[in-house]
Protein backbone atom coordinates (compact mmCIF):
# COMPACT_ATOMS: atom_id res chain seq x y z
CA MET A 1 1.18 -5.66 -30.03
CA ILE A 2 -2.15 -6.63 -29.12
CA PRO A 3 -4.69 -6.00 -31.91
CA MET A 4 -7.64 -3.58 -31.30
CA PRO A 5 -10.71 -5.78 -30.77
CA PRO A 6 -13.33 -5.96 -33.56
CA LEU A 7 -16.18 -3.42 -33.56
CA PRO A 8 -19.36 -5.00 -32.07
CA ALA A 9 -22.00 -5.89 -34.64
CA ALA A 10 -24.79 -3.08 -35.32
CA GLY A 11 -27.33 -3.17 -32.48
CA SER A 12 -25.25 -5.26 -29.99
CA PRO A 13 -23.70 -3.45 -26.99
CA PRO A 14 -19.89 -3.79 -26.34
CA ALA A 15 -18.81 -6.10 -23.54
CA SER A 16 -18.45 -4.30 -20.17
CA LEU A 17 -15.38 -4.50 -18.33
CA ALA A 18 -17.25 -6.59 -15.75
CA GLN A 19 -18.23 -8.90 -18.45
CA LEU A 20 -14.57 -9.20 -19.83
CA PHE A 21 -13.51 -10.07 -16.13
CA GLY A 22 -16.23 -12.53 -15.84
CA ARG A 23 -15.21 -14.40 -18.81
CA GLY A 24 -11.65 -14.50 -17.88
CA GLN A 25 -10.73 -12.37 -20.83
CA VAL A 26 -8.56 -10.00 -18.64
CA ASP A 27 -5.25 -11.22 -17.00
CA VAL A 28 -4.40 -9.40 -13.72
CA VAL A 29 -0.54 -9.41 -13.59
CA ASP A 30 0.83 -8.29 -10.02
CA LEU A 31 4.08 -6.16 -10.75
CA THR A 32 4.71 -5.70 -7.05
CA ALA A 33 7.63 -6.86 -5.16
CA THR A 34 6.88 -8.36 -1.58
CA LEU A 35 7.65 -5.77 1.05
CA SER A 36 9.65 -7.30 3.88
CA GLU A 37 12.65 -6.66 6.22
CA ALA A 38 14.74 -8.28 3.25
CA THR A 39 13.51 -5.61 0.81
CA PRO A 40 16.74 -3.77 -0.90
CA VAL A 41 16.99 -0.14 0.09
CA LEU A 42 19.20 2.41 -1.78
CA PRO A 43 22.08 3.75 0.24
CA LEU A 44 22.25 7.25 -0.42
CA PRO A 45 25.25 9.48 -0.41
CA PRO A 46 26.41 10.75 3.08
CA GLU A 47 25.17 14.31 2.36
CA MET A 48 21.59 12.92 1.94
CA ALA A 49 19.18 11.40 4.45
CA ALA A 50 19.27 7.86 4.91
CA ILE A 51 15.97 5.82 3.65
CA PRO A 52 14.85 3.68 6.77
CA PRO A 53 14.15 -0.09 5.79
CA PHE A 54 10.91 -1.76 6.13
CA ARG A 55 10.33 -3.27 9.63
CA LEU A 56 7.00 -4.50 11.30
CA GLU A 57 6.59 -4.11 15.06
CA ARG A 58 4.28 -6.53 16.72
CA LEU A 59 1.55 -4.84 18.53
CA ALA A 60 -0.95 -7.82 19.40
CA HIS A 61 -1.13 -11.51 18.54
CA TYR A 62 -3.59 -14.18 19.11
CA ASP A 63 -1.35 -15.98 21.48
CA ASP A 64 -0.80 -13.10 23.74
CA PRO A 65 -2.95 -12.90 27.01
CA ALA A 66 -6.36 -11.37 26.42
CA GLU A 67 -5.47 -10.69 22.71
CA ILE A 68 -7.76 -12.00 19.99
CA SER A 69 -6.27 -10.22 16.99
CA LEU A 70 -3.02 -9.83 15.02
CA GLN A 71 -1.85 -6.11 14.54
CA HIS A 72 1.61 -4.61 13.69
CA ALA A 73 2.86 -1.04 13.34
CA ILE A 74 4.70 -0.39 10.14
CA HIS A 75 8.09 1.26 10.01
CA THR A 76 9.43 2.38 6.64
CA GLY A 77 10.28 4.96 4.14
CA GLU A 78 8.08 6.39 1.57
CA HIS A 79 10.52 5.22 -1.00
CA VAL A 80 11.05 1.56 -0.04
CA GLY A 81 10.07 -1.33 -2.12
CA THR A 82 7.86 -1.13 -5.11
CA HIS A 83 6.94 2.64 -4.58
CA PHE A 84 5.30 5.63 -6.34
CA ASP A 85 7.26 8.97 -6.51
CA ALA A 86 5.09 12.08 -6.35
CA PRO A 87 6.36 15.32 -8.24
CA ARG A 88 6.90 16.79 -4.64
CA HIS A 89 9.64 14.24 -3.83
CA TRP A 90 12.17 16.27 -5.64
CA TRP A 91 13.29 19.78 -5.38
CA SER A 92 12.33 20.60 -8.88
CA GLY A 93 8.73 19.33 -8.30
CA ARG A 94 8.33 20.98 -4.75
CA ASP A 95 5.34 22.94 -5.91
CA GLY A 96 3.77 19.92 -7.55
CA GLU A 97 1.28 17.26 -6.16
CA ASP A 98 1.92 15.19 -2.99
CA VAL A 99 0.74 11.53 -3.01
CA ALA A 100 -2.87 12.66 -1.92
CA GLY A 101 -3.18 15.20 -4.53
CA VAL A 102 -2.56 12.85 -7.45
CA PRO A 103 -5.75 12.49 -9.62
CA VAL A 104 -6.73 8.89 -9.57
CA ARG A 105 -7.48 9.05 -13.14
CA ARG A 106 -3.68 9.30 -13.70
CA LEU A 107 -3.07 6.22 -11.62
CA VAL A 108 -4.90 3.99 -14.03
CA ALA A 109 -3.64 4.48 -17.39
CA PRO A 110 -2.14 2.59 -20.62
CA ALA A 111 1.41 1.39 -20.34
CA VAL A 112 3.89 0.17 -22.80
CA VAL A 113 7.02 -1.95 -22.19
CA LEU A 114 10.48 -1.18 -23.78
CA ASP A 115 12.70 -4.20 -23.16
CA ALA A 116 16.35 -3.69 -22.85
CA ALA A 117 16.97 -6.82 -20.58
CA GLU A 118 19.68 -8.19 -22.99
CA ALA A 119 21.43 -4.93 -23.21
CA CYS A 120 21.51 -4.64 -19.45
CA ARG A 121 22.51 -8.19 -19.01
CA ARG A 122 25.75 -7.23 -21.10
CA ASP A 123 26.23 -3.91 -19.27
CA PRO A 124 24.76 -3.25 -15.91
CA ASP A 125 25.49 0.60 -16.50
CA PHE A 126 23.37 0.46 -19.65
CA LEU A 127 21.59 4.00 -20.12
CA LEU A 128 18.14 4.20 -22.09
CA GLU A 129 18.71 6.97 -24.78
CA VAL A 130 16.60 9.01 -27.03
CA GLU A 131 17.35 6.95 -30.07
CA HIS A 132 16.35 3.60 -28.15
CA VAL A 133 12.88 5.08 -27.52
CA ARG A 134 12.41 6.31 -31.10
CA SER A 135 13.48 2.95 -32.30
CA TRP A 136 11.01 1.33 -30.16
CA GLN A 137 8.22 3.80 -31.36
CA ASP A 138 9.15 2.94 -34.97
CA ARG A 139 8.25 -0.58 -34.30
CA HIS A 140 5.33 -0.23 -31.80
CA GLY A 141 3.88 3.30 -32.45
CA PRO A 142 3.83 6.44 -30.30
CA LEU A 143 4.26 6.52 -26.48
CA PRO A 144 0.84 6.84 -24.88
CA ASP A 145 -0.48 10.22 -23.91
CA GLY A 146 -1.19 10.32 -20.35
CA GLY A 147 0.15 6.75 -19.95
CA TRP A 148 3.32 5.01 -18.69
CA LEU A 149 6.58 3.97 -20.21
CA LEU A 150 7.93 0.83 -18.35
CA PHE A 151 11.56 0.10 -18.74
CA ARG A 152 12.36 -3.48 -18.75
CA THR A 153 16.02 -4.42 -17.60
CA GLY A 154 15.55 -7.83 -16.05
CA TRP A 155 16.72 -6.47 -12.73
CA ASP A 156 13.71 -7.82 -11.00
CA ALA A 157 15.57 -11.32 -11.01
CA ARG A 158 18.13 -9.79 -8.51
CA SER A 159 15.35 -8.39 -5.89
CA HIS A 160 16.08 -11.16 -3.46
CA SER A 161 19.38 -9.95 -2.65
CA GLN A 162 20.47 -6.50 -1.33
CA GLU A 163 23.89 -7.19 -2.78
CA LEU A 164 22.93 -8.29 -6.23
CA PHE A 165 20.22 -5.83 -6.77
CA LEU A 166 22.44 -2.93 -5.90
CA ASN A 167 25.50 -4.34 -7.57
CA ALA A 168 27.80 -1.87 -5.84
CA ASP A 169 31.54 -1.37 -5.45
CA ARG A 170 33.71 1.41 -4.53
CA GLU A 171 32.29 3.51 -7.20
CA GLY A 172 28.74 2.98 -5.84
CA PRO A 173 25.75 1.05 -7.39
CA HIS A 174 26.06 -0.23 -10.87
CA THR A 175 22.24 -0.40 -12.37
CA PRO A 176 20.75 0.49 -15.55
CA GLY A 177 18.74 3.79 -15.93
CA VAL A 178 18.09 6.49 -18.35
CA SER A 179 20.50 8.96 -19.59
CA PRO A 180 20.34 12.80 -18.60
CA GLU A 181 19.29 13.70 -22.31
CA CYS A 182 16.59 10.83 -22.54
CA ALA A 183 15.42 11.77 -19.01
CA ARG A 184 14.73 15.36 -20.23
CA TRP A 185 13.33 14.41 -23.46
CA LEU A 186 10.78 12.16 -21.90
CA ALA A 187 9.79 14.75 -19.41
CA GLU A 188 9.56 17.69 -21.86
CA GLU A 189 8.79 16.12 -25.53
CA THR A 190 6.45 13.27 -24.67
CA GLY A 191 3.04 13.07 -23.11
CA ILE A 192 3.69 10.18 -20.81
CA ALA A 193 2.36 10.56 -17.28
CA GLY A 194 5.12 8.25 -15.63
CA PHE A 195 8.18 6.38 -15.92
CA GLY A 196 8.37 2.97 -14.41
CA VAL A 197 11.61 0.62 -13.73
CA GLU A 198 12.48 -2.72 -11.93
CA THR A 199 15.57 -1.15 -10.27
CA VAL A 200 15.65 0.54 -6.82
CA GLY A 201 14.79 4.02 -8.31
CA THR A 202 13.87 5.75 -11.46
CA ASP A 203 17.63 6.87 -11.95
CA ALA A 204 20.61 4.73 -12.79
CA GLY A 205 22.97 3.52 -10.16
CA GLN A 206 25.58 6.01 -11.11
CA ALA A 207 23.29 8.95 -11.55
CA PHE A 208 24.69 10.83 -8.67
CA ARG A 209 27.71 11.47 -10.96
CA PHE A 210 25.55 12.70 -14.09
CA ASP A 211 25.30 16.30 -14.90
CA PRO A 212 22.69 17.01 -13.70
CA PRO A 213 22.60 14.40 -10.88
CA PHE A 214 19.67 12.04 -10.86
CA PRO A 215 18.16 13.39 -14.09
CA ALA A 216 15.29 11.21 -14.00
CA HIS A 217 14.24 12.70 -10.56
CA ARG A 218 14.88 16.12 -11.67
CA TYR A 219 13.26 16.37 -15.32
CA LEU A 220 10.07 13.90 -14.71
CA LEU A 221 9.06 14.95 -11.25
CA GLY A 222 9.91 18.67 -12.23
CA THR A 223 7.36 18.66 -15.05
CA GLY A 224 4.57 17.04 -12.98
CA LYS A 225 5.32 13.26 -14.12
CA TYR A 226 5.59 10.30 -11.80
CA GLY A 227 7.78 7.46 -11.10
CA VAL A 228 7.38 3.93 -9.84
CA THR A 229 10.25 1.69 -9.02
CA GLN A 230 11.06 -2.03 -8.13
CA LEU A 231 8.44 -3.53 -10.36
CA GLN A 232 8.29 -7.28 -11.04
CA ASN A 233 7.19 -9.23 -13.87
CA LEU A 234 7.37 -6.84 -16.73
CA ALA A 235 8.47 -9.88 -18.97
CA LEU A 236 4.78 -11.10 -18.75
CA LEU A 237 3.38 -7.87 -20.32
CA PRO A 238 3.07 -7.17 -24.04
CA ALA A 239 4.93 -4.08 -25.53
CA THR A 240 1.64 -2.39 -25.93
CA GLY A 241 -2.06 -2.97 -24.82
CA ALA A 242 -1.76 -3.24 -20.86
CA VAL A 243 -3.44 -0.78 -18.36
CA LEU A 244 -1.40 -0.01 -15.29
CA VAL A 245 -3.02 0.26 -12.04
CA VAL A 246 -0.87 2.03 -9.54
CA ALA A 247 -2.19 2.23 -6.03
CA PRO A 248 -0.06 4.34 -3.47
CA LEU A 249 -1.44 5.16 -0.01
CA LYS A 250 -3.18 8.59 0.04
CA ILE A 251 -0.70 10.34 2.26
CA ALA A 252 -1.34 13.98 3.08
CA GLY A 253 1.90 15.70 2.33
CA GLY A 254 3.54 12.45 1.08
CA SER A 255 6.40 12.64 -1.32
CA GLY A 256 5.69 8.98 -2.21
CA SER A 257 4.38 5.72 -0.78
CA PRO A 258 4.89 1.96 -0.95
CA ALA A 259 2.28 0.71 -3.70
CA ARG A 260 0.55 -2.22 -5.10
CA VAL A 261 1.03 -2.01 -8.91
CA LEU A 262 -1.17 -4.26 -11.16
CA ALA A 263 -1.32 -4.48 -14.83
CA LEU A 264 -4.60 -5.53 -16.77
CA VAL A 265 -3.79 -7.43 -19.88
CA PRO A 266 -6.62 -8.50 -22.23
CA THR A 267 -6.39 -12.07 -23.39
CA SER A 268 -6.57 -13.18 -26.97
CA ALA A 269 -10.07 -14.29 -26.28
CA ALA A 270 -11.21 -10.79 -25.69
CA PHE A 271 -10.83 -10.15 -29.42
CA GLY A 272 -13.18 -12.66 -30.64
């Protein structure tokens, strides 16, 4: 846990955010996976619409006759790569915000990291339960009101390969996630703004079999909370003390968007 900075001496103004950056006292950690045609995409059950993968279409190139620029068209689904889920993404949040309607204040907020990477290494179907979160709170304090809970599973190490990332067999994908009971508890009993994961979606790979199916989507989005997925580098963050910056495209009517996700982490020098 990063300690709180000491109070400034009487009569001395506190350091501004710009000063902290200028002194190199804030690290910026990129939590975003590179978006390319190799980015893993979740295969959905046959009764659901398929998610189109990312693709660039060349429109202009310097080496083409009469062209002096490089331009592409982007073809992708809203929920590909590191991406943001708005409440409207799920039927339970259909009357909630689209991506363009999310207040920017909720996109910059404190974040905490619950690390279950070792448990997920032993069991790829590991589920986060309420008692895991309560145990974390006993050590680190309460979840941040209006902030993010980031669930570290170590799954970002697999993101270079669709096969490893989805870890699928005839039963479907086997990836960690959150239990229905914990998803409902996080949605209804905590003040977090959102839930972030390293896996392809906020639900476990086998969540289509749960009762209810896809509980993270149903409960979190249904209560006006958000999701962010396919994060990288959560191992570089402290358990508490980081600030998350989530920057989806401002898409009118959008249910989600690829996003650049950054974490701001004060260095020890920021505390004197």
